[in-house]
PDB file of N, CA and C in Angstrom:
ATOM      1  N   MET A   1     -11.706-102.287 -76.665  1.00  0.00           N
ATOM      2  CA  MET A   1     -11.731-102.510 -75.223  1.00  0.00           C
ATOM      3  C   MET A   1     -13.126-102.205 -74.652  1.00  0.00           C
ATOM      4  N   GLU A   2     -13.721-101.097 -75.118  1.00  0.00           N
ATOM      5  CA  GLU A   2     -15.050-100.717 -74.638  1.00  0.00           C
ATOM      6  C   GLU A   2     -16.103-101.758 -75.037  1.00  0.00           C
ATOM      7  N   THR A   3     -15.996-102.240 -76.293  1.00  0.00           N
ATOM      8  CA  THR A   3     -16.959-103.228 -76.780  1.00  0.00           C
ATOM      9  C   THR A   3     -16.864-104.510 -75.951  1.00  0.00           C
ATOM     10  N   ASN A   4     -15.643-104.891 -75.593  1.00  0.00           N
ATOM     11  CA  ASN A   4     -15.431-106.092 -74.788  1.00  0.00           C
ATOM     12  C   ASN A   4     -16.113-105.945 -73.432  1.00  0.00           C
ATOM     13  N   ASP A   5     -15.985-104.763 -72.833  1.00  0.00           N
ATOM     14  CA  ASP A   5     -16.609-104.495 -71.536  1.00  0.00           C
ATOM     15  C   ASP A   5     -18.132-104.603 -71.644  1.00  0.00           C
ATOM     16  N   VAL A   6     -18.674-104.056 -72.725  1.00  0.00           N
ATOM     17  CA  VAL A   6     -20.121-104.103 -72.950  1.00  0.00           C
ATOM     18  C   VAL A   6     -20.587-105.550 -73.098  1.00  0.00           C
ATOM     19  N   LEU A   7     -19.826-106.340 -73.851  1.00  0.00           N
ATOM     20  CA  LEU A   7     -20.168-107.745 -74.044  1.00  0.00           C
ATOM     21  C   LEU A   7     -20.147-108.492 -72.715  1.00  0.00           C
ATOM     22  N   HIS A   8     -19.127-108.202 -71.900  1.00  0.00           N
ATOM     23  CA  HIS A   8     -18.992-108.866 -70.606  1.00  0.00           C
ATOM     24  C   HIS A   8     -20.189-108.537 -69.707  1.00  0.00           C
ATOM     25  N   ARG A   9     -20.592-107.272 -69.726  1.00  0.00           N
ATOM     26  CA  ARG A   9     -21.725-106.839 -68.912  1.00  0.00           C
ATOM     27  C   ARG A   9     -23.000-107.534 -69.384  1.00  0.00           C
ATOM     28  N   HIS A  10     -23.152-107.612 -70.692  1.00  0.00           N
ATOM     29  CA  HIS A  10     -24.326-108.261 -71.279  1.00  0.00           C
ATOM     30  C   HIS A  10     -24.361-109.741 -70.889  1.00  0.00           C
ATOM     31  N   GLU A  11     -23.189-110.383 -70.902  1.00  0.00           N
ATOM     32  CA  GLU A  11     -23.094-111.798 -70.563  1.00  0.00           C
ATOM     33  C   GLU A  11     -23.523-112.027 -69.115  1.00  0.00           C
ATOM     34  N   ARG A  12     -23.082-111.133 -68.234  1.00  0.00           N
ATOM     35  CA  ARG A  12     -23.432-111.255 -66.822  1.00  0.00           C
ATOM     36  C   ARG A  12     -24.949-111.135 -66.641  1.00  0.00           C
ATOM     37  N   LYS A  13     -25.542-110.167 -67.354  1.00  0.00           N
ATOM     38  CA  LYS A  13     -26.988-109.948 -67.279  1.00  0.00           C
ATOM     39  C   LYS A  13     -27.727-111.183 -67.798  1.00  0.00           C
ATOM     40  N   PHE A  14     -27.206-111.758 -68.882  1.00  0.00           N
ATOM     41  CA  PHE A  14     -27.813-112.938 -69.488  1.00  0.00           C
ATOM     42  C   PHE A  14     -27.787-114.108 -68.509  1.00  0.00           C
ATOM     43  N   ARG A  15     -26.643-114.269 -67.822  1.00  0.00           N
ATOM     44  CA  ARG A  15     -26.525-115.358 -66.853  1.00  0.00           C
ATOM     45  C   ARG A  15     -27.535-115.197 -65.733  1.00  0.00           C
ATOM     46  N   ARG A  16     -27.679-113.960 -65.251  1.00  0.00           N
ATOM     47  CA  ARG A  16     -28.604-113.696 -64.153  1.00  0.00           C
ATOM     48  C   ARG A  16     -30.034-114.007 -64.585  1.00  0.00           C
ATOM     49  N   SER A  17     -30.388-113.602 -65.806  1.00  0.00           N
ATOM     50  CA  SER A  17     -31.739-113.831 -66.314  1.00  0.00           C
ATOM     51  C   SER A  17     -31.996-115.330 -66.482  1.00  0.00           C
ATOM     52  N   ARG A  18     -30.954-116.069 -66.905  1.00  0.00           N
ATOM     53  CA  ARG A  18     -31.103-117.513 -67.071  1.00  0.00           C
ATOM     54  C   ARG A  18     -31.354-118.167 -65.713  1.00  0.00           C
ATOM     55  N   MET A  19     -30.667-117.665 -64.672  1.00  0.00           N
ATOM     56  CA  MET A  19     -30.857-118.186 -63.330  1.00  0.00           C
ATOM     57  C   MET A  19     -32.288-117.911 -62.862  1.00  0.00           C
ATOM     58  N   LEU A  20     -32.776-116.698 -63.171  1.00  0.00           N
ATOM     59  CA  LEU A  20     -34.145-116.331 -62.793  1.00  0.00           C
ATOM     60  C   LEU A  20     -35.150-117.250 -63.476  1.00  0.00           C
ATOM     61  N   VAL A  21     -34.876-117.589 -64.736  1.00  0.00           N
ATOM     62  CA  VAL A  21     -35.761-118.485 -65.485  1.00  0.00           C
ATOM     63  C   VAL A  21     -35.801-119.854 -64.816  1.00  0.00           C
ATOM     64  N   LYS A  22     -34.614-120.356 -64.421  1.00  0.00           N
ATOM     65  CA  LYS A  22     -34.543-121.658 -63.748  1.00  0.00           C
ATOM     66  C   LYS A  22     -35.327-121.636 -62.446  1.00  0.00           C
ATOM     67  N   VAL A  23     -35.161-120.558 -61.682  1.00  0.00           N
ATOM     68  CA  VAL A  23     -35.852-120.422 -60.392  1.00  0.00           C
ATOM     69  C   VAL A  23     -37.366-120.388 -60.596  1.00  0.00           C
ATOM     70  N   SER A  24     -37.810-119.600 -61.575  1.00  0.00           N
ATOM     71  CA  SER A  24     -39.248-119.484 -61.835  1.00  0.00           C
ATOM     72  C   SER A  24     -39.826-120.824 -62.305  1.00  0.00           C
ATOM     73  N   LEU A  25     -39.047-121.565 -63.098  1.00  0.00           N
ATOM     74  CA  LEU A  25     -39.498-122.879 -63.559  1.00  0.00           C
ATOM     75  C   LEU A  25     -39.636-123.834 -62.383  1.00  0.00           C
ATOM     76  N   ALA A  26     -38.676-123.785 -61.462  1.00  0.00           N
ATOM     77  CA  ALA A  26     -38.712-124.641 -60.276  1.00  0.00           C
ATOM     78  C   ALA A  26     -39.941-124.327 -59.428  1.00  0.00           C
ATOM     79  N   ILE A  27     -40.228-123.028 -59.263  1.00  0.00           N
ATOM     80  CA  ILE A  27     -41.394-122.604 -58.483  1.00  0.00           C
ATOM     81  C   ILE A  27     -42.677-123.087 -59.156  1.00  0.00           C
ATOM     82  N   LEU A  28     -42.713-122.973 -60.482  1.00  0.00           N
ATOM     83  CA  LEU A  28     -43.881-123.420 -61.242  1.00  0.00           C
ATOM     84  C   LEU A  28     -44.109-124.916 -61.038  1.00  0.00           C
ATOM     85  N   LEU A  29     -43.030-125.697 -61.117  1.00  0.00           N
ATOM     86  CA  LEU A  29     -43.122-127.141 -60.916  1.00  0.00           C
ATOM     87  C   LEU A  29     -43.648-127.467 -59.529  1.00  0.00           C
ATOM     88  N   LEU A  30     -43.127-126.745 -58.520  1.00  0.00           N
ATOM     89  CA  LEU A  30     -43.570-126.969 -57.144  1.00  0.00           C
ATOM     90  C   LEU A  30     -45.059-126.673 -56.995  1.00  0.00           C
ATOM     91  N   LEU A  31     -45.499-125.565 -57.606  1.00  0.00           N
ATOM     92  CA  LEU A  31     -46.916-125.194 -57.535  1.00  0.00           C
ATOM     93  C   LEU A  31     -47.789-126.262 -58.185  1.00  0.00           C
ATOM     94  N   ILE A  32     -47.358-126.760 -59.340  1.00  0.00           N
ATOM     95  CA  ILE A  32     -48.111-127.804 -60.048  1.00  0.00           C
ATOM     96  C   ILE A  32     -48.187-129.067 -59.191  1.00  0.00           C
ATOM     97  N   LEU A  33     -47.051-129.437 -58.581  1.00  0.00           N
ATOM     98  CA  LEU A  33     -47.017-130.624 -57.724  1.00  0.00           C
ATOM     99  C   LEU A  33     -47.967-130.464 -56.540  1.00  0.00           C
ATOM    100  N   LEU A  34     -47.950-129.268 -55.927  1.00  0.00           N
ATOM    101  CA  LEU A  34     -48.842-129.010 -54.788  1.00  0.00           C
ATOM    102  C   LEU A  34     -50.305-129.118 -55.209  1.00  0.00           C
ATOM    103  N   LEU A  35     -50.630-128.545 -56.379  1.00  0.00           N
ATOM    104  CA  LEU A  35     -52.004-128.613 -56.881  1.00  0.00           C
ATOM    105  C   LEU A  35     -52.403-130.061 -57.160  1.00  0.00           C
ATOM    106  N   GLN A  36     -51.498-130.809 -57.770  1.00  0.00           N
ATOM    107  CA  GLN A  36     -51.765-132.213 -58.068  1.00  0.00           C
ATOM    108  C   GLN A  36     -51.940-133.008 -56.778  1.00  0.00           C
ATOM    109  N   TYR A  37     -51.108-132.699 -55.761  1.00  0.00           N
ATOM    110  CA  TYR A  37     -51.188-133.382 -54.467  1.00  0.00           C
ATOM    111  C   TYR A  37     -52.578-133.193 -53.857  1.00  0.00           C
ATOM    112  N   ASP A  38     -53.050-131.942 -53.872  1.00  0.00           N
ATOM    113  CA  ASP A  38     -54.377-131.623 -53.345  1.00  0.00           C
ATOM    114  C   ASP A  38     -55.446-132.412 -54.099  1.00  0.00           C
ATOM    115  N   HIS A  39     -55.308-132.463 -55.406  1.00  0.00           N
ATOM    116  CA  HIS A  39     -56.257-133.177 -56.258  1.00  0.00           C
ATOM    117  C   HIS A  39     -56.252-134.671 -55.938  1.00  0.00           C
ATOM    118  N   ILE A  40     -55.056-135.242 -55.786  1.00  0.00           N
ATOM    119  CA  ILE A  40     -54.914-136.675 -55.486  1.00  0.00           C
ATOM    120  C   ILE A  40     -55.528-136.995 -54.125  1.00  0.00           C
ATOM    121  N   VAL A  41     -55.284-136.124 -53.135  1.00  0.00           N
ATOM    122  CA  VAL A  41     -55.832-136.333 -51.787  1.00  0.00           C
ATOM    123  C   VAL A  41     -57.358-136.337 -51.835  1.00  0.00           C
ATOM    124  N   ASN A  42     -57.945-135.392 -52.564  1.00  0.00           N
ATOM    125  CA  ASN A  42     -59.404-135.334 -52.698  1.00  0.00           C
ATOM    126  C   ASN A  42     -59.938-136.584 -53.388  1.00  0.00           C
ATOM    127  N   TRP A  43     -59.204-137.050 -54.407  1.00  0.00           N
ATOM    128  CA  TRP A  43     -59.597-138.252 -55.149  1.00  0.00           C
ATOM    129  C   TRP A  43     -59.596-139.472 -54.232  1.00  0.00           C
ATOM    130  N   LEU A  44     -58.540-139.583 -53.387  1.00  0.00           N
ATOM    131  CA  LEU A  44     -58.440-140.695 -52.442  1.00  0.00           C
ATOM    132  C   LEU A  44     -59.570-140.633 -51.411  1.00  0.00           C
ATOM    133  N   LYS A  45     -59.905-139.426 -50.960  1.00  0.00           N
ATOM    134  CA  LYS A  45     -61.001-139.259 -49.995  1.00  0.00           C
ATOM    135  C   LYS A  45     -62.316-139.713 -50.618  1.00  0.00           C
ATOM    136  N   ASN A  46     -62.520-139.385 -51.885  1.00  0.00           N
ATOM    137  CA  ASN A  46     -63.743-139.784 -52.583  1.00  0.00           C
ATOM    138  C   ASN A  46     -63.811-141.302 -52.713  1.00  0.00           C
ATOM    139  N   LEU A  47     -62.653-141.937 -52.935  1.00  0.00           N
ATOM    140  CA  LEU A  47     -62.608-143.393 -53.044  1.00  0.00           C
ATOM    141  C   LEU A  47     -62.963-144.017 -51.702  1.00  0.00           C
ATOM    142  N   GLY A  48     -62.384-143.466 -50.636  1.00  0.00           N
ATOM    143  CA  GLY A  48     -62.612-143.986 -49.283  1.00  0.00           C
ATOM    144  C   GLY A  48     -63.966-143.562 -48.773  1.00  0.00           C
TER     145      GLY A  48
END
């Protein structure tokens, strides 16, 4: 019974960490997109 409780707690922690990973990946993607956007805007200005 105790081992089952420990496993359940570990599973919950694992789920939370997986969610954090997804969130951090999303933030990273957004940052990359923003950086690329800035780069593209500068490139267009240079063309014009």
